[in-house]
Amino acid sequence: MSKIDIINDTNIPSLLSKEGLTVVLMTSPWDGNGIIMRSIMESISGNFSSVNFSQADYESSPQLARLFSLLSPPGILLIKEGELLHRITKPVSAGKISELINASVA
């Protein structure tokens, strides 16, 4: 079963202090590509039990977007112990996301 936490600007300190890898999807309800990316994240999150998955609304989380230099949705951020490892700023396949996750947890 997949679990994707909903986060916003108030969660930045806990996001940066989490141990291990965290994958954050930043999207908006109106963003068609974000809807597709959300579906992909839900499908792959169950495959990585040691990875934290989160989702943030781009419009209601401007500090988070600025912190990781995300200029528009959708965006996927791979963060490990407070450090940005990868920033994806376009729609990508589940395979590509899984590949980056595997490389980041190794």
N, C-alpha and C. Protein backbone atom coordinates (compact mmCIF):
# COMPACT_ATOMS: atom_id res chain seq x y z
N MET A 1 0.85 -1.19 0.00
CA MET A 1 0.00 0.00 0.00
C MET A 1 0.89 1.24 0.00
N SER A 2 0.58 2.17 -0.85
CA SER A 2 1.38 3.39 -0.93
C SER A 2 0.89 4.43 0.07
N LYS A 3 1.83 5.24 0.51
CA LYS A 3 1.47 6.34 1.42
C LYS A 3 2.23 7.57 0.99
N ILE A 4 1.50 8.59 0.59
CA ILE A 4 2.11 9.85 0.20
C ILE A 4 1.61 10.91 1.16
N ASP A 5 2.55 11.48 1.93
CA ASP A 5 2.21 12.52 2.89
C ASP A 5 1.95 13.84 2.16
N ILE A 6 1.01 14.60 2.65
CA ILE A 6 0.74 15.93 2.13
C ILE A 6 1.54 16.92 2.98
N ILE A 7 2.35 17.74 2.33
CA ILE A 7 3.16 18.71 3.05
C ILE A 7 2.94 20.10 2.47
N ASN A 8 3.46 21.12 3.20
CA ASN A 8 3.41 22.50 2.74
C ASN A 8 4.57 23.26 3.37
N ASP A 9 4.56 24.55 3.29
CA ASP A 9 5.67 25.35 3.80
C ASP A 9 5.93 25.14 5.29
N THR A 10 4.90 24.80 6.06
CA THR A 10 5.11 24.60 7.50
C THR A 10 5.90 23.34 7.80
N ASN A 11 6.01 22.43 6.83
CA ASN A 11 6.72 21.17 7.03
C ASN A 11 8.18 21.21 6.59
N ILE A 12 8.68 22.36 6.15
CA ILE A 12 10.05 22.43 5.64
C ILE A 12 11.08 21.94 6.66
N PRO A 13 11.03 22.37 7.92
CA PRO A 13 12.04 21.88 8.87
C PRO A 13 12.04 20.35 9.02
N SER A 14 10.85 19.75 9.10
CA SER A 14 10.81 18.29 9.25
C SER A 14 11.24 17.60 7.95
N LEU A 15 10.94 18.18 6.81
CA LEU A 15 11.37 17.63 5.53
C LEU A 15 12.90 17.61 5.45
N LEU A 16 13.53 18.69 5.86
CA LEU A 16 14.98 18.79 5.78
C LEU A 16 15.70 17.94 6.83
N SER A 17 15.00 17.57 7.88
CA SER A 17 15.64 16.78 8.93
C SER A 17 15.35 15.28 8.84
N LYS A 18 14.53 14.86 7.87
CA LYS A 18 14.21 13.44 7.72
C LYS A 18 15.45 12.66 7.33
N GLU A 19 15.58 11.48 7.90
CA GLU A 19 16.66 10.58 7.52
C GLU A 19 16.24 9.82 6.27
N GLY A 20 17.22 9.48 5.47
CA GLY A 20 16.95 8.71 4.27
C GLY A 20 16.47 9.59 3.13
N LEU A 21 15.93 8.95 2.13
CA LEU A 21 15.50 9.64 0.91
C LEU A 21 14.03 10.02 1.00
N THR A 22 13.74 11.24 0.58
CA THR A 22 12.37 11.73 0.47
C THR A 22 12.14 12.18 -0.97
N VAL A 23 11.05 11.74 -1.55
CA VAL A 23 10.66 12.15 -2.90
C VAL A 23 9.44 13.05 -2.75
N VAL A 24 9.56 14.28 -3.25
CA VAL A 24 8.48 15.26 -3.13
C VAL A 24 7.96 15.60 -4.52
N LEU A 25 6.67 15.46 -4.71
CA LEU A 25 6.01 15.91 -5.93
C LEU A 25 5.36 17.24 -5.65
N MET A 26 5.74 18.26 -6.40
CA MET A 26 5.08 19.57 -6.29
C MET A 26 4.24 19.75 -7.54
N THR A 27 2.96 19.95 -7.32
CA THR A 27 2.03 20.06 -8.42
C THR A 27 0.89 20.99 -8.04
N SER A 28 -0.03 21.16 -8.94
CA SER A 28 -1.23 21.99 -8.72
C SER A 28 -2.44 21.22 -9.23
N PRO A 29 -3.60 21.49 -8.64
CA PRO A 29 -4.81 20.78 -9.07
C PRO A 29 -5.14 21.00 -10.54
N TRP A 30 -4.76 22.14 -11.09
CA TRP A 30 -5.08 22.47 -12.48
C TRP A 30 -4.06 21.93 -13.47
N ASP A 31 -2.96 21.38 -12.99
CA ASP A 31 -1.84 20.96 -13.84
C ASP A 31 -2.06 19.54 -14.35
N GLY A 32 -2.35 19.40 -15.63
CA GLY A 32 -2.59 18.08 -16.24
C GLY A 32 -1.40 17.15 -16.09
N ASN A 33 -0.19 17.67 -16.31
CA ASN A 33 1.00 16.83 -16.14
C ASN A 33 1.17 16.41 -14.68
N GLY A 34 0.81 17.29 -13.77
CA GLY A 34 0.89 16.97 -12.35
C GLY A 34 -0.05 15.84 -11.97
N ILE A 35 -1.22 15.81 -12.59
CA ILE A 35 -2.18 14.73 -12.33
C ILE A 35 -1.59 13.39 -12.76
N ILE A 36 -0.94 13.39 -13.91
CA ILE A 36 -0.28 12.17 -14.40
C ILE A 36 0.86 11.78 -13.47
N MET A 37 1.67 12.75 -13.05
CA MET A 37 2.80 12.48 -12.17
C MET A 37 2.33 11.97 -10.81
N ARG A 38 1.23 12.50 -10.32
CA ARG A 38 0.67 12.04 -9.04
C ARG A 38 0.28 10.56 -9.15
N SER A 39 -0.31 10.18 -10.26
CA SER A 39 -0.68 8.78 -10.48
C SER A 39 0.57 7.89 -10.52
N ILE A 40 1.60 8.36 -11.19
CA ILE A 40 2.86 7.60 -11.26
C ILE A 40 3.46 7.45 -9.86
N MET A 41 3.49 8.53 -9.10
CA MET A 41 4.06 8.48 -7.75
C MET A 41 3.28 7.50 -6.88
N GLU A 42 1.96 7.52 -6.98
CA GLU A 42 1.15 6.59 -6.20
C GLU A 42 1.46 5.15 -6.57
N SER A 43 1.69 4.90 -7.86
CA SER A 43 1.96 3.53 -8.29
C SER A 43 3.33 3.03 -7.88
N ILE A 44 4.34 3.90 -7.86
CA ILE A 44 5.68 3.41 -7.52
C ILE A 44 6.00 3.51 -6.03
N SER A 45 5.26 4.32 -5.28
CA SER A 45 5.59 4.50 -3.87
C SER A 45 5.53 3.19 -3.08
N GLY A 46 4.68 2.29 -3.47
CA GLY A 46 4.59 1.00 -2.80
C GLY A 46 5.79 0.10 -3.02
N ASN A 47 6.61 0.42 -4.02
CA ASN A 47 7.78 -0.39 -4.33
C ASN A 47 9.01 -0.02 -3.51
N PHE A 48 8.94 1.09 -2.76
CA PHE A 48 10.10 1.59 -2.03
C PHE A 48 9.72 1.85 -0.58
N SER A 49 9.74 0.81 0.23
CA SER A 49 9.28 0.95 1.62
C SER A 49 10.20 1.83 2.46
N SER A 50 11.46 1.97 2.08
CA SER A 50 12.39 2.78 2.89
C SER A 50 12.45 4.24 2.45
N VAL A 51 11.65 4.60 1.45
CA VAL A 51 11.65 5.96 0.92
C VAL A 51 10.40 6.69 1.38
N ASN A 52 10.57 7.96 1.78
CA ASN A 52 9.45 8.81 2.16
C ASN A 52 8.90 9.49 0.90
N PHE A 53 7.61 9.43 0.70
CA PHE A 53 6.97 10.09 -0.44
C PHE A 53 6.06 11.19 0.09
N SER A 54 6.17 12.38 -0.51
CA SER A 54 5.35 13.52 -0.11
C SER A 54 4.86 14.25 -1.34
N GLN A 55 3.79 15.01 -1.13
CA GLN A 55 3.22 15.83 -2.19
C GLN A 55 2.93 17.21 -1.62
N ALA A 56 3.24 18.24 -2.40
CA ALA A 56 2.96 19.62 -1.98
C ALA A 56 2.27 20.36 -3.12
N ASP A 57 1.33 21.22 -2.75
CA ASP A 57 0.69 22.09 -3.73
C ASP A 57 1.60 23.27 -4.01
N TYR A 58 1.91 23.47 -5.26
CA TYR A 58 2.86 24.50 -5.66
C TYR A 58 2.42 25.90 -5.21
N GLU A 59 1.16 26.24 -5.41
CA GLU A 59 0.68 27.58 -5.07
C GLU A 59 0.66 27.85 -3.57
N SER A 60 0.35 26.84 -2.78
CA SER A 60 0.27 27.06 -1.34
C SER A 60 1.59 26.76 -0.61
N SER A 61 2.64 26.47 -1.37
CA SER A 61 3.96 26.18 -0.78
C SER A 61 5.06 26.97 -1.50
N PRO A 62 4.92 28.30 -1.58
CA PRO A 62 5.92 29.08 -2.33
C PRO A 62 7.32 29.04 -1.72
N GLN A 63 7.43 28.93 -0.40
CA GLN A 63 8.77 28.86 0.21
C GLN A 63 9.47 27.57 -0.16
N LEU A 64 8.74 26.48 -0.19
CA LEU A 64 9.30 25.19 -0.58
C LEU A 64 9.76 25.23 -2.03
N ALA A 65 8.94 25.80 -2.90
CA ALA A 65 9.31 25.92 -4.31
C ALA A 65 10.56 26.77 -4.48
N ARG A 66 10.63 27.89 -3.77
CA ARG A 66 11.81 28.76 -3.85
C ARG A 66 13.06 28.08 -3.30
N LEU A 67 12.91 27.39 -2.19
CA LEU A 67 14.04 26.73 -1.55
C LEU A 67 14.74 25.78 -2.52
N PHE A 68 13.97 25.10 -3.35
CA PHE A 68 14.53 24.12 -4.27
C PHE A 68 14.50 24.61 -5.73
N SER A 69 14.35 25.91 -5.92
CA SER A 69 14.40 26.55 -7.24
C SER A 69 13.47 25.90 -8.26
N LEU A 70 12.26 25.64 -7.83
CA LEU A 70 11.25 25.09 -8.73
C LEU A 70 10.38 26.24 -9.22
N LEU A 71 10.45 26.53 -10.52
CA LEU A 71 9.80 27.70 -11.07
C LEU A 71 8.35 27.47 -11.48
N SER A 72 7.98 26.22 -11.75
CA SER A 72 6.59 25.93 -12.12
C SER A 72 6.33 24.44 -11.91
N PRO A 73 5.07 24.08 -11.71
CA PRO A 73 4.74 22.66 -11.56
C PRO A 73 4.65 21.98 -12.92
N PRO A 74 4.75 20.68 -12.98
CA PRO A 74 5.08 19.79 -11.88
C PRO A 74 6.59 19.72 -11.66
N GLY A 75 6.95 19.32 -10.49
CA GLY A 75 8.35 19.11 -10.18
C GLY A 75 8.49 17.98 -9.19
N ILE A 76 9.55 17.22 -9.35
CA ILE A 76 9.85 16.14 -8.41
C ILE A 76 11.21 16.43 -7.82
N LEU A 77 11.26 16.38 -6.50
CA LEU A 77 12.50 16.65 -5.78
C LEU A 77 12.91 15.39 -5.04
N LEU A 78 14.15 14.97 -5.20
CA LEU A 78 14.70 13.87 -4.43
C LEU A 78 15.65 14.47 -3.42
N ILE A 79 15.29 14.36 -2.15
CA ILE A 79 16.02 15.01 -1.06
C ILE A 79 16.50 13.93 -0.11
N LYS A 80 17.79 13.98 0.19
CA LYS A 80 18.36 13.01 1.12
C LYS A 80 19.02 13.75 2.26
N GLU A 81 18.43 13.60 3.45
CA GLU A 81 18.94 14.21 4.66
C GLU A 81 19.19 15.70 4.49
N GLY A 82 18.19 16.38 3.90
CA GLY A 82 18.23 17.82 3.75
C GLY A 82 18.90 18.34 2.50
N GLU A 83 19.53 17.46 1.73
CA GLU A 83 20.26 17.89 0.53
C GLU A 83 19.50 17.47 -0.74
N LEU A 84 19.35 18.41 -1.65
CA LEU A 84 18.69 18.11 -2.92
C LEU A 84 19.63 17.29 -3.79
N LEU A 85 19.19 16.08 -4.16
CA LEU A 85 19.99 15.23 -5.03
C LEU A 85 19.60 15.39 -6.49
N HIS A 86 18.29 15.46 -6.74
CA HIS A 86 17.78 15.58 -8.11
C HIS A 86 16.53 16.46 -8.10
N ARG A 87 16.41 17.26 -9.17
CA ARG A 87 15.21 18.07 -9.39
C ARG A 87 14.75 17.76 -10.81
N ILE A 88 13.55 17.25 -10.92
CA ILE A 88 12.96 16.93 -12.23
C ILE A 88 11.89 17.97 -12.49
N THR A 89 11.99 18.66 -13.60
CA THR A 89 11.06 19.77 -13.87
C THR A 89 10.18 19.52 -15.09
N LYS A 90 10.00 18.27 -15.42
CA LYS A 90 9.12 17.93 -16.54
C LYS A 90 8.54 16.54 -16.27
N PRO A 91 7.48 16.19 -16.96
CA PRO A 91 6.93 14.85 -16.78
C PRO A 91 7.95 13.79 -17.21
N VAL A 92 8.09 12.75 -16.39
CA VAL A 92 8.98 11.64 -16.71
C VAL A 92 8.27 10.33 -16.39
N SER A 93 8.84 9.25 -16.87
CA SER A 93 8.23 7.94 -16.69
C SER A 93 8.47 7.40 -15.28
N ALA A 94 7.67 6.42 -14.92
CA ALA A 94 7.86 5.73 -13.64
C ALA A 94 9.23 5.07 -13.60
N GLY A 95 9.67 4.55 -14.74
CA GLY A 95 10.98 3.91 -14.81
C GLY A 95 12.11 4.87 -14.50
N LYS A 96 12.03 6.08 -15.02
CA LYS A 96 13.07 7.08 -14.76
C LYS A 96 13.09 7.48 -13.30
N ILE A 97 11.93 7.70 -12.71
CA ILE A 97 11.85 8.04 -11.29
C ILE A 97 12.42 6.90 -10.45
N SER A 98 12.03 5.67 -10.77
CA SER A 98 12.54 4.51 -10.04
C SER A 98 14.05 4.39 -10.16
N GLU A 99 14.56 4.66 -11.34
CA GLU A 99 16.01 4.61 -11.58
C GLU A 99 16.73 5.63 -10.69
N LEU A 100 16.21 6.85 -10.61
CA LEU A 100 16.82 7.88 -9.77
C LEU A 100 16.72 7.52 -8.28
N ILE A 101 15.59 6.95 -7.89
CA ILE A 101 15.42 6.53 -6.49
C ILE A 101 16.44 5.45 -6.16
N ASN A 102 16.55 4.44 -7.01
CA ASN A 102 17.51 3.36 -6.77
C ASN A 102 18.93 3.88 -6.67
N ALA A 103 19.29 4.82 -7.53
CA ALA A 103 20.64 5.39 -7.50
C ALA A 103 20.86 6.21 -6.24
N SER A 104 19.81 6.82 -5.72
CA SER A 104 19.93 7.70 -4.56
C SER A 104 19.93 6.96 -3.23
N VAL A 105 19.34 5.78 -3.17
CA VAL A 105 19.32 5.03 -1.92
C VAL A 105 20.53 4.13 -1.78
N ALA A 106 21.25 3.93 -2.85
CA ALA A 106 22.43 3.05 -2.82
C ALA A 106 23.58 3.66 -2.05
